[in-house]
Amino acid sequence: MSGLEALLALVHQVTGTPYIVGGNTPAGTDCSGLASWVSNVASGRPAFSGRFHTANEESALLARGFRYGTAPNAVVVGWNSYHTAVTLPDGTPVASGEPGGVRIGGGGAYQRQFTHHMYLPMEPEAPAEEAPVVEFAAMVEPAPEPAAVPMGEPMAIELAAAPLEAPPLDAPIEAPFDAPIAPPGEAPPMDALPLDEAPAPAEPGPAPADQEAPPQA
């Protein structure tokens, strides 16, 4: 827990408790008792380990490491002979008896009535660590660029052609249709190839009977 977080936790724990003169328990306290608790926690002491009052406030704050004056990012305490209040490093004012018991608000340490001011520097809050940025683009290898082709020079496109296989020299030659295969060196006969047959001539019918010539007049 950081210093500011510890101070805020203390203040929220006792906020709303009544104003009790000389009180030094979480049940309630007065203005100098609240200033004592805050300065104790800011300097690394237990909150209720000891308290002071406005008459010895200067020496008590010096013993806790406080410096004279005011400063940002610090616990600032202001007081006079009868009242005191505190401003936390984040600017939160706290007091008891303005009026009533312990509460957040009011003028804090910068009230015009205060004639004394002291402060305790606090370490600034460290910024939260940012998650590393993963550059996914660097994890992917780029594709190789194609080779440049000179201008005016045709691009060679290689097409894979199916290989042509010649029949073996000793393969038998198949003759078309049913034609007989002629011996080597001889031409096949003309009637070897089947042609469309011509229709058979019609058979002669019976001879017509002799017709008599009509008589001449």
Protein backbone atom coordinates (compact mmCIF):
# COMPACT_ATOMS: atom_id res chain seq x y z
CA MET A 1 0.00 0.00 0.00
CA SER A 2 1.39 3.41 -0.96
CA GLY A 3 1.71 6.33 1.45
CA LEU A 4 -1.30 8.15 0.07
CA GLU A 5 -3.42 5.00 0.10
CA ALA A 6 -2.52 4.40 3.75
CA LEU A 7 -3.46 7.98 4.68
CA LEU A 8 -6.78 7.77 2.86
CA ALA A 9 -7.54 4.43 4.52
CA LEU A 10 -6.94 5.98 7.94
CA VAL A 11 -9.09 9.02 7.22
CA HIS A 12 -11.97 6.94 5.87
CA GLN A 13 -11.74 4.68 8.92
CA VAL A 14 -12.24 7.52 11.41
CA THR A 15 -14.44 9.83 9.35
CA GLY A 16 -17.71 10.47 11.15
CA THR A 17 -16.39 9.74 14.63
CA PRO A 18 -17.23 12.37 17.29
CA TYR A 19 -15.03 15.21 18.51
CA ILE A 20 -13.40 14.03 21.75
CA VAL A 21 -10.93 16.28 23.53
CA GLY A 22 -7.66 14.40 24.05
CA GLY A 23 -9.03 11.30 22.28
CA ASN A 24 -6.50 8.87 20.86
CA THR A 25 -8.58 5.90 19.72
CA PRO A 26 -10.64 5.12 16.60
CA ALA A 27 -13.70 6.06 18.67
CA GLY A 28 -12.93 9.78 18.16
CA THR A 29 -10.44 12.59 18.73
CA ASP A 30 -9.92 16.34 18.54
CA CYS A 31 -8.16 18.47 15.88
CA SER A 32 -4.60 17.91 17.12
CA GLY A 33 -5.28 14.20 17.64
CA LEU A 34 -6.25 13.81 13.95
CA ALA A 35 -3.14 15.78 12.90
CA SER A 36 -1.09 13.43 15.10
CA TRP A 37 -2.56 10.30 13.48
CA VAL A 38 -1.98 11.57 9.95
CA SER A 39 1.61 12.65 10.65
CA ASN A 40 2.30 9.31 12.36
CA VAL A 41 1.17 7.28 9.32
CA ALA A 42 2.95 9.63 6.90
CA SER A 43 6.24 9.15 8.76
CA GLY A 44 5.88 5.36 8.97
CA ARG A 45 4.66 5.11 12.57
CA PRO A 46 1.53 3.37 13.89
CA ALA A 47 -1.43 5.72 13.70
CA PHE A 48 -2.26 5.66 17.43
CA SER A 49 1.34 5.42 18.70
CA GLY A 50 1.38 8.92 20.17
CA ARG A 51 -0.25 12.30 19.86
CA PHE A 52 0.60 15.95 20.31
CA HIS A 53 -1.33 19.21 20.78
CA THR A 54 -1.02 22.69 19.36
CA ALA A 55 1.43 23.80 22.07
CA ASN A 56 4.10 21.22 21.15
CA GLU A 57 3.07 20.62 17.51
CA GLU A 58 6.20 22.17 16.01
CA SER A 59 8.68 19.97 17.89
CA ALA A 60 6.54 16.88 17.37
CA LEU A 61 6.42 17.45 13.59
CA LEU A 62 10.17 18.06 13.44
CA ALA A 63 10.70 14.74 15.20
CA ARG A 64 8.63 13.09 12.45
CA GLY A 65 10.71 14.58 9.62
CA PHE A 66 8.51 17.54 8.70
CA ARG A 67 9.96 20.73 7.23
CA TYR A 68 8.88 24.32 7.54
CA GLY A 69 6.54 25.74 4.94
CA THR A 70 4.30 24.09 2.36
CA ALA A 71 4.92 22.04 -0.79
CA PRO A 72 2.96 20.07 -3.38
CA ASN A 73 2.81 16.27 -3.15
CA ALA A 74 3.28 16.48 0.59
CA VAL A 75 1.38 16.17 3.86
CA VAL A 76 0.88 19.80 4.93
CA VAL A 77 -0.12 20.73 8.49
CA GLY A 78 -1.29 24.20 9.47
CA TRP A 79 -2.04 25.42 13.01
CA ASN A 80 -2.34 28.26 15.45
CA SER A 81 -2.65 28.29 19.22
CA TYR A 82 -6.11 26.64 19.32
CA HIS A 83 -6.73 24.74 16.07
CA THR A 84 -4.95 22.61 13.46
CA ALA A 85 -5.87 20.84 10.21
CA VAL A 86 -4.21 18.77 7.49
CA THR A 87 -4.11 18.64 3.68
CA LEU A 88 -3.12 15.29 2.12
CA PRO A 89 -0.72 14.98 -0.86
CA ASP A 90 -3.61 14.70 -3.32
CA GLY A 91 -5.16 17.92 -1.97
CA THR A 92 -7.77 16.27 0.27
CA PRO A 93 -8.46 18.45 3.36
CA VAL A 94 -9.23 16.70 6.67
CA ALA A 95 -9.96 18.05 10.16
CA SER A 96 -11.81 17.43 13.38
CA GLY A 97 -13.99 20.07 15.05
CA GLU A 98 -14.97 22.22 12.03
CA PRO A 99 -17.56 21.71 13.49
CA GLY A 100 -18.34 18.25 14.83
CA GLY A 101 -16.07 15.26 14.65
CA VAL A 102 -13.64 13.93 12.08
CA ARG A 103 -14.59 14.66 8.49
CA ILE A 104 -13.19 15.16 5.02
CA GLY A 105 -13.50 18.71 3.77
CA GLY A 106 -13.07 22.23 5.06
CA GLY A 107 -10.10 24.48 4.48
CA GLY A 108 -7.42 21.98 5.45
CA ALA A 109 -3.94 23.27 6.23
CA TYR A 110 -4.32 26.40 4.07
CA GLN A 111 -6.79 28.27 6.23
CA ARG A 112 -6.02 31.97 6.67
CA GLN A 113 -6.24 31.67 10.46
CA PHE A 114 -3.16 29.42 10.66
CA THR A 115 0.14 31.09 11.50
CA HIS A 116 2.36 28.01 11.21
CA HIS A 117 2.85 25.50 8.40
CA MET A 118 5.02 22.41 8.05
CA TYR A 119 5.12 19.67 5.42
CA LEU A 120 6.45 16.15 4.89
CA PRO A 121 7.41 15.26 1.28
CA MET A 122 5.82 12.09 -0.05
CA GLU A 123 7.18 9.92 -2.82
CA PRO A 124 5.15 10.47 -6.01
CA GLU A 125 3.05 7.55 -7.10
CA ALA A 126 4.88 5.42 -9.64
CA PRO A 127 3.00 5.17 -12.93
CA ALA A 128 1.50 1.79 -13.69
CA GLU A 129 3.61 -0.32 -15.97
CA GLU A 130 2.23 -0.51 -19.44
CA ALA A 131 1.79 -3.89 -21.04
CA PRO A 132 4.30 -4.53 -23.82
CA VAL A 133 2.95 -3.95 -27.28
CA VAL A 134 3.16 -7.06 -29.42
CA GLU A 135 3.79 -6.22 -33.03
CA PHE A 136 2.14 -9.04 -34.91
CA ALA A 137 3.37 -7.71 -38.23
CA ALA A 138 6.94 -8.43 -37.21
CA MET A 139 6.05 -12.05 -36.48
CA VAL A 140 4.90 -12.77 -40.07
CA GLU A 141 7.55 -13.23 -42.73
CA PRO A 142 6.70 -11.26 -45.89
CA ALA A 143 6.26 -13.17 -49.13
CA PRO A 144 9.26 -12.95 -51.50
CA GLU A 145 8.89 -10.34 -54.21
CA PRO A 146 8.75 -11.64 -57.81
CA ALA A 147 11.87 -11.15 -59.91
CA ALA A 148 11.75 -8.06 -62.09
CA VAL A 149 11.38 -8.65 -65.85
CA PRO A 150 13.22 -6.15 -68.11
CA MET A 151 10.98 -3.96 -70.24
CA GLY A 152 10.53 -5.18 -73.81
CA GLU A 153 11.47 -8.75 -72.93
CA PRO A 154 8.61 -11.27 -73.13
CA MET A 155 7.87 -13.26 -70.05
CA ALA A 156 8.55 -16.94 -70.47
CA ILE A 157 5.62 -19.03 -69.38
CA GLU A 158 6.39 -22.67 -68.92
CA LEU A 159 3.50 -25.00 -69.57
CA ALA A 160 3.85 -28.59 -68.58
CA ALA A 161 2.83 -30.68 -71.62
CA ALA A 162 1.83 -34.30 -71.33
CA PRO A 163 4.55 -36.54 -72.83
CA LEU A 164 3.64 -38.24 -76.11
CA GLU A 165 4.48 -41.91 -76.20
CA ALA A 166 5.12 -43.52 -79.60
CA PRO A 167 3.95 -47.09 -80.04
CA PRO A 168 6.70 -49.69 -79.98
CA LEU A 169 8.15 -50.66 -83.34
CA ASP A 170 7.24 -54.31 -82.94
CA ALA A 171 3.57 -53.63 -82.14
CA PRO A 172 1.17 -55.50 -84.52
CA ILE A 173 -0.72 -53.35 -87.00
CA GLU A 174 -4.46 -53.78 -86.77
CA ALA A 175 -6.19 -53.87 -90.16
CA PRO A 176 -9.41 -51.91 -90.51
CA PHE A 177 -12.72 -53.74 -90.73
CA ASP A 178 -12.52 -57.38 -91.83
CA ALA A 179 -10.12 -56.94 -94.72
CA PRO A 180 -7.59 -59.70 -95.09
CA ILE A 181 -4.07 -58.73 -94.46
CA ALA A 182 -2.01 -58.85 -97.66
CA PRO A 183 1.38 -60.45 -97.60
CA PRO A 184 4.26 -58.04 -97.25
CA GLY A 185 5.07 -56.28 -100.55
CA GLU A 186 1.63 -56.95 -102.16
CA ALA A 187 -1.27 -54.55 -102.46
CA PRO A 188 -4.56 -55.77 -101.12
CA PRO A 189 -7.11 -56.86 -103.84
CA MET A 190 -9.68 -54.31 -104.82
CA ASP A 191 -12.52 -56.42 -103.51
CA ALA A 192 -10.84 -56.80 -100.19
CA LEU A 193 -12.58 -53.81 -98.74
CA PRO A 194 -16.33 -54.31 -98.35
CA LEU A 195 -18.33 -51.82 -100.43
CA ASP A 196 -22.02 -51.18 -100.57
CA GLU A 197 -23.48 -53.91 -102.84
CA ALA A 198 -25.57 -52.83 -105.84
CA PRO A 199 -29.14 -54.14 -105.89
CA ALA A 200 -29.67 -57.40 -107.87
CA PRO A 201 -31.35 -56.97 -111.28
CA ALA A 202 -35.05 -57.78 -111.40
CA GLU A 203 -36.04 -61.14 -112.84
CA PRO A 204 -37.76 -60.94 -116.24
CA GLY A 205 -41.51 -61.43 -116.09
CA PRO A 206 -43.64 -63.48 -118.48
CA ALA A 207 -43.67 -62.28 -122.09
CA PRO A 208 -46.72 -60.24 -122.94
CA ALA A 209 -49.28 -61.83 -125.26
CA ASP A 210 -49.21 -60.80 -128.87
CA GLN A 211 -51.56 -57.95 -129.36
CA GLU A 212 -53.47 -57.82 -132.59
CA ALA A 213 -53.30 -54.67 -134.56
CA PRO A 214 -56.59 -52.95 -135.01
CA PRO A 215 -58.10 -53.44 -138.47
CA GLN A 216 -57.57 -50.58 -140.82
CA ALA A 217 -60.60 -48.97 -142.32
